[in-house]
């Protein structure tokens, strides 16, 4: 799984409806896989920030290359990449997943 897939499944709760599109149950819409690129698109990355803040996580940034969600921090060559990396690191960490349960 790539980072966009991990985030789509574990943060947004989207399900892969077909090989080329996600289904967002919360908003009852289909999202083409090619239209969700958080590593390259800051608007998509900020959707991650918004969702995690709604779920109680604190977002902090140190410039354009370092991002933290609570204690989980990551870097990237762009802010969008840093957000994506931090979100992926957070959901891959078993203790963070336990907080959501």
Protein backbone atom coordinates (compact mmCIF):
# COMPACT_ATOMS: atom_id res chain seq x y z
CA UNK A 1 0.00 0.00 0.00
CA UNK A 2 1.24 3.49 -0.77
CA UNK A 3 0.88 6.43 1.60
CA UNK A 4 -2.27 7.80 -0.03
CA UNK A 5 -3.93 4.37 0.31
CA UNK A 6 -2.93 4.06 3.96
CA UNK A 7 -4.35 7.50 4.74
CA UNK A 8 -7.52 6.93 2.72
CA UNK A 9 -8.26 3.67 4.54
CA UNK A 10 -7.06 4.37 8.07
CA UNK A 11 -7.75 8.07 8.55
CA UNK A 12 -10.71 8.74 6.28
CA UNK A 13 -12.22 5.25 6.43
CA UNK A 14 -12.66 5.10 2.66
CA UNK A 15 -13.09 1.74 0.97
CA UNK A 16 -11.71 0.84 -2.43
CA UNK A 17 -14.84 0.46 -4.52
CA UNK A 18 -13.00 -0.51 -7.70
CA UNK A 19 -9.33 -0.54 -8.60
CA UNK A 20 -9.61 3.15 -9.60
CA UNK A 21 -11.89 4.76 -7.03
CA UNK A 22 -12.55 5.14 -3.33
CA UNK A 23 -15.95 5.31 -1.70
CA UNK A 24 -16.38 7.88 1.08
CA UNK A 25 -19.23 6.56 3.26
CA UNK A 26 -19.37 9.72 5.37
CA UNK A 27 -20.10 11.95 2.37
CA UNK A 28 -21.65 9.28 0.13
CA UNK A 29 -19.34 10.02 -2.82
CA UNK A 30 -16.85 8.26 -5.05
CA UNK A 31 -13.31 9.64 -5.24
CA UNK A 32 -11.07 8.62 -8.12
CA UNK A 33 -7.74 7.28 -6.86
CA UNK A 34 -5.97 9.70 -9.20
CA UNK A 35 -7.78 12.66 -7.56
CA UNK A 36 -6.37 12.05 -4.04
CA UNK A 37 -2.66 12.85 -4.06
CA UNK A 38 -1.79 14.31 -0.64
CA UNK A 39 1.99 14.11 -1.14
CA UNK A 40 1.80 16.42 -4.16
CA UNK A 41 -1.29 18.52 -3.43
CA UNK A 42 -1.39 20.81 -0.39
CA UNK A 43 -5.21 21.01 -0.52
CA UNK A 44 -5.42 17.23 -0.19
CA UNK A 45 -2.84 17.27 2.60
CA UNK A 46 -4.83 19.90 4.48
CA UNK A 47 -7.87 17.58 4.35
CA UNK A 48 -5.77 15.18 6.42
CA UNK A 49 -4.95 17.93 8.90
CA UNK A 50 -8.62 18.90 9.19
CA UNK A 51 -9.74 15.29 9.74
CA UNK A 52 -7.10 14.62 12.37
CA UNK A 53 -7.87 17.85 14.19
CA UNK A 54 -11.55 16.85 14.24
CA UNK A 55 -10.45 13.57 15.81
CA UNK A 56 -8.58 15.44 18.56
CA UNK A 57 -5.02 15.48 17.28
CA UNK A 58 -2.87 18.61 17.50
CA UNK A 59 -1.18 19.82 14.32
CA UNK A 60 2.08 21.75 14.53
CA UNK A 61 4.49 22.77 11.82
CA UNK A 62 8.05 23.97 11.92
CA UNK A 63 8.45 25.75 8.59
CA UNK A 64 7.65 24.06 5.32
CA UNK A 65 9.39 20.78 5.93
CA UNK A 66 8.49 19.45 9.40
CA UNK A 67 5.05 18.54 10.77
CA UNK A 68 3.86 16.99 14.02
CA UNK A 69 0.56 15.40 14.97
CA UNK A 70 0.73 15.18 18.76
CA UNK A 71 4.15 13.59 19.38
CA UNK A 72 4.56 12.02 15.93
CA UNK A 73 6.75 14.20 13.71
CA UNK A 74 8.02 13.81 10.16
CA UNK A 75 9.80 15.81 7.49
CA UNK A 76 9.36 16.17 3.75
CA UNK A 77 10.66 18.23 0.87
CA UNK A 78 7.34 20.13 0.86
CA UNK A 79 4.69 20.83 3.48
CA UNK A 80 2.28 18.46 1.70
CA UNK A 81 4.86 15.68 1.80
CA UNK A 82 5.66 16.35 5.48
CA UNK A 83 1.94 16.19 6.39
CA UNK A 84 1.54 12.93 4.47
CA UNK A 85 4.65 11.41 6.06
CA UNK A 86 3.58 12.38 9.59
CA UNK A 87 0.04 11.06 9.06
CA UNK A 88 1.40 7.77 7.71
CA UNK A 89 3.86 7.42 10.56
CA UNK A 90 1.06 8.11 13.02
CA UNK A 91 -1.36 5.49 11.69
CA UNK A 92 1.39 2.90 11.27
CA UNK A 93 2.21 3.31 14.97
CA UNK A 94 0.15 0.75 16.90
CA UNK A 95 -0.28 2.97 19.96
CA UNK A 96 -1.93 5.71 17.89
CA UNK A 97 -4.38 3.24 16.37
CA UNK A 98 -5.33 2.17 19.90
CA UNK A 99 -6.35 5.75 20.72
CA UNK A 100 -9.07 5.62 18.04
CA UNK A 101 -10.59 2.39 19.37
